[in-house]
Amino acid sequence: MKMTKYITLLILALVFIACHKNPHKAFDIKITKTETGYYYDIYKKSKIIIHQPNIPAAIGEQKFIDSIQCKKIAKLVVEKLENKIFPTITIEELKKNKIQFRY
């Protein structure tokens, strides 16, 4: 009986480790502050693949007001890239993520 408990615990631990394994990141995000706001760059294997100097989908050249909002959208873009979804951002996604912008 004790042996069965140990084997069960061992199997559960191995399943947990396998499910939570952190694979090597495919993308990196760099947030940069400018005089007028923030922007992000996304890198794959140290090569820049997206340079986003303005809030995507917003009219004109609007900047992110802080690094937190900027990083939210950059992470959303990376999530789309990882899931092989074209990384466009919509007005609805900006609103859902509480990004401050004019429209």
C-alpha atoms as a PDB file:
ATOM      1  CA  MET A   1       0.000   0.000   0.000  1.00  0.00           C
ATOM      2  CA  LYS A   2       2.794   2.445   0.903  1.00  0.00           C
ATOM      3  CA  MET A   3       4.647   1.600  -2.279  1.00  0.00           C
ATOM      4  CA  THR A   4       1.546   2.407  -4.348  1.00  0.00           C
ATOM      5  CA  LYS A   5       1.280   5.835  -2.687  1.00  0.00           C
ATOM      6  CA  TYR A   6       4.926   6.608  -3.453  1.00  0.00           C
ATOM      7  CA  ILE A   7       4.573   5.533  -7.066  1.00  0.00           C
ATOM      8  CA  THR A   8       1.404   7.609  -7.430  1.00  0.00           C
ATOM      9  CA  LEU A   9       3.127  10.668  -5.926  1.00  0.00           C
ATOM     10  CA  LEU A  10       6.143  10.142  -8.178  1.00  0.00           C
ATOM     11  CA  ILE A  11       3.949   9.940 -11.276  1.00  0.00           C
ATOM     12  CA  LEU A  12       2.044  13.081 -10.261  1.00  0.00           C
ATOM     13  CA  ALA A  13       5.301  14.945  -9.658  1.00  0.00           C
ATOM     14  CA  LEU A  14       6.662  13.911 -13.062  1.00  0.00           C
ATOM     15  CA  VAL A  15       3.441  14.960 -14.802  1.00  0.00           C
ATOM     16  CA  PHE A  16       3.562  18.325 -13.026  1.00  0.00           C
ATOM     17  CA  ILE A  17       7.186  18.893 -14.047  1.00  0.00           C
ATOM     18  CA  ALA A  18       6.504  17.879 -17.645  1.00  0.00           C
ATOM     19  CA  CYS A  19       3.511  20.216 -17.916  1.00  0.00           C
ATOM     20  CA  HIS A  20       5.314  23.180 -16.382  1.00  0.00           C
ATOM     21  CA  LYS A  21       8.576  22.822 -18.191  1.00  0.00           C
ATOM     22  CA  ASN A  22       9.741  26.238 -19.359  1.00  0.00           C
ATOM     23  CA  PRO A  23      10.964  25.831 -22.933  1.00  0.00           C
ATOM     24  CA  HIS A  24      13.498  28.263 -24.316  1.00  0.00           C
ATOM     25  CA  LYS A  25      11.757  31.510 -25.176  1.00  0.00           C
ATOM     26  CA  ALA A  26      11.328  31.981 -28.891  1.00  0.00           C
ATOM     27  CA  PHE A  27      10.675  35.728 -28.620  1.00  0.00           C
ATOM     28  CA  ASP A  28      12.051  38.577 -26.546  1.00  0.00           C
ATOM     29  CA  ILE A  29      10.425  41.927 -25.839  1.00  0.00           C
ATOM     30  CA  LYS A  30      12.276  45.195 -25.366  1.00  0.00           C
ATOM     31  CA  ILE A  31      10.367  48.220 -24.031  1.00  0.00           C
ATOM     32  CA  THR A  32      11.936  51.629 -24.685  1.00  0.00           C
ATOM     33  CA  LYS A  33      11.066  54.989 -23.156  1.00  0.00           C
ATOM     34  CA  THR A  34      11.216  58.108 -25.321  1.00  0.00           C
ATOM     35  CA  GLU A  35      10.450  61.759 -24.622  1.00  0.00           C
ATOM     36  CA  THR A  36       6.864  61.241 -25.796  1.00  0.00           C
ATOM     37  CA  GLY A  37       6.026  57.768 -24.444  1.00  0.00           C
ATOM     38  CA  TYR A  38       6.946  54.108 -24.809  1.00  0.00           C
ATOM     39  CA  TYR A  39       7.323  51.654 -27.667  1.00  0.00           C
ATOM     40  CA  TYR A  40       8.245  48.001 -28.066  1.00  0.00           C
ATOM     41  CA  ASP A  41      10.455  45.826 -30.210  1.00  0.00           C
ATOM     42  CA  ILE A  42      10.051  42.070 -30.544  1.00  0.00           C
ATOM     43  CA  TYR A  43      13.066  39.888 -31.280  1.00  0.00           C
ATOM     44  CA  LYS A  44      13.398  36.326 -32.490  1.00  0.00           C
ATOM     45  CA  LYS A  45      16.821  34.766 -32.075  1.00  0.00           C
ATOM     46  CA  SER A  46      18.314  38.216 -31.371  1.00  0.00           C
ATOM     47  CA  LYS A  47      16.935  39.594 -34.652  1.00  0.00           C
ATOM     48  CA  ILE A  48      14.318  42.338 -34.533  1.00  0.00           C
ATOM     49  CA  ILE A  49      11.130  41.186 -36.229  1.00  0.00           C
ATOM     50  CA  ILE A  50       8.697  43.878 -35.058  1.00  0.00           C
ATOM     51  CA  HIS A  51       9.449  47.524 -34.291  1.00  0.00           C
ATOM     52  CA  GLN A  52       6.287  49.181 -32.988  1.00  0.00           C
ATOM     53  CA  PRO A  53       6.919  52.884 -32.329  1.00  0.00           C
ATOM     54  CA  ASN A  54       3.207  53.717 -31.928  1.00  0.00           C
ATOM     55  CA  ILE A  55       0.098  52.132 -30.435  1.00  0.00           C
ATOM     56  CA  PRO A  56      -1.086  49.662 -33.085  1.00  0.00           C
ATOM     57  CA  ALA A  57      -4.618  50.240 -34.467  1.00  0.00           C
ATOM     58  CA  ALA A  58      -4.754  53.738 -32.937  1.00  0.00           C
ATOM     59  CA  ILE A  59      -5.179  56.733 -35.237  1.00  0.00           C
ATOM     60  CA  GLY A  60      -2.054  58.809 -35.820  1.00  0.00           C
ATOM     61  CA  GLU A  61       1.223  58.454 -34.001  1.00  0.00           C
ATOM     62  CA  GLN A  62       0.032  57.808 -30.463  1.00  0.00           C
ATOM     63  CA  LYS A  63       2.537  56.481 -27.923  1.00  0.00           C
ATOM     64  CA  PHE A  64       1.927  54.199 -24.968  1.00  0.00           C
ATOM     65  CA  ILE A  65       1.708  56.304 -21.807  1.00  0.00           C
ATOM     66  CA  ASP A  66       3.587  53.802 -19.629  1.00  0.00           C
ATOM     67  CA  SER A  67       5.687  50.664 -19.852  1.00  0.00           C
ATOM     68  CA  ILE A  68       2.944  48.498 -18.327  1.00  0.00           C
ATOM     69  CA  GLN A  69       0.455  49.211 -21.114  1.00  0.00           C
ATOM     70  CA  CYS A  70       3.187  48.868 -23.701  1.00  0.00           C
ATOM     71  CA  LYS A  71       4.253  45.468 -22.353  1.00  0.00           C
ATOM     72  CA  LYS A  72       0.632  44.193 -22.245  1.00  0.00           C
ATOM     73  CA  ILE A  73       0.251  44.685 -25.980  1.00  0.00           C
ATOM     74  CA  ALA A  74       3.748  43.412 -26.766  1.00  0.00           C
ATOM     75  CA  LYS A  75       2.937  40.213 -24.835  1.00  0.00           C
ATOM     76  CA  LEU A  76      -0.340  39.877 -26.744  1.00  0.00           C
ATOM     77  CA  VAL A  77       1.574  40.149 -30.034  1.00  0.00           C
ATOM     78  CA  VAL A  78       4.074  37.499 -28.870  1.00  0.00           C
ATOM     79  CA  GLU A  79       1.206  35.229 -27.817  1.00  0.00           C
ATOM     80  CA  LYS A  80      -0.251  35.516 -31.314  1.00  0.00           C
ATOM     81  CA  LEU A  81       3.122  34.802 -32.904  1.00  0.00           C
ATOM     82  CA  GLU A  82       3.611  31.731 -30.704  1.00  0.00           C
ATOM     83  CA  ASN A  83       0.180  30.470 -31.739  1.00  0.00           C
ATOM     84  CA  LYS A  84       0.933  31.165 -35.407  1.00  0.00           C
ATOM     85  CA  ILE A  85      -1.750  33.881 -35.589  1.00  0.00           C
ATOM     86  CA  PHE A  86      -1.056  36.999 -37.653  1.00  0.00           C
ATOM     87  CA  PRO A  87      -0.069  39.544 -34.965  1.00  0.00           C
ATOM     88  CA  THR A  88      -2.487  42.369 -35.696  1.00  0.00           C
ATOM     89  CA  ILE A  89      -4.005  44.326 -32.817  1.00  0.00           C
ATOM     90  CA  THR A  90      -7.555  45.658 -32.943  1.00  0.00           C
ATOM     91  CA  ILE A  91      -9.257  48.603 -31.273  1.00  0.00           C
ATOM     92  CA  GLU A  92     -11.292  46.070 -29.283  1.00  0.00           C
ATOM     93  CA  GLU A  93      -8.113  44.422 -27.960  1.00  0.00           C
ATOM     94  CA  LEU A  94      -6.752  47.813 -26.926  1.00  0.00           C
ATOM     95  CA  LYS A  95      -9.975  48.574 -25.043  1.00  0.00           C
ATOM     96  CA  LYS A  96     -10.089  45.113 -23.460  1.00  0.00           C
ATOM     97  CA  ASN A  97      -6.526  45.611 -22.167  1.00  0.00           C
ATOM     98  CA  LYS A  98      -7.401  49.110 -20.877  1.00  0.00           C
ATOM     99  CA  ILE A  99      -4.861  50.843 -23.118  1.00  0.00           C
ATOM    100  CA  GLN A 100      -5.255  54.628 -23.047  1.00  0.00           C
ATOM    101  CA  PHE A 101      -5.500  56.054 -26.550  1.00  0.00           C
ATOM    102  CA  ARG A 102      -7.607  58.377 -28.717  1.00  0.00           C
ATOM    103  CA  TYR A 103      -9.933  56.981 -31.376  1.00  0.00           C
END
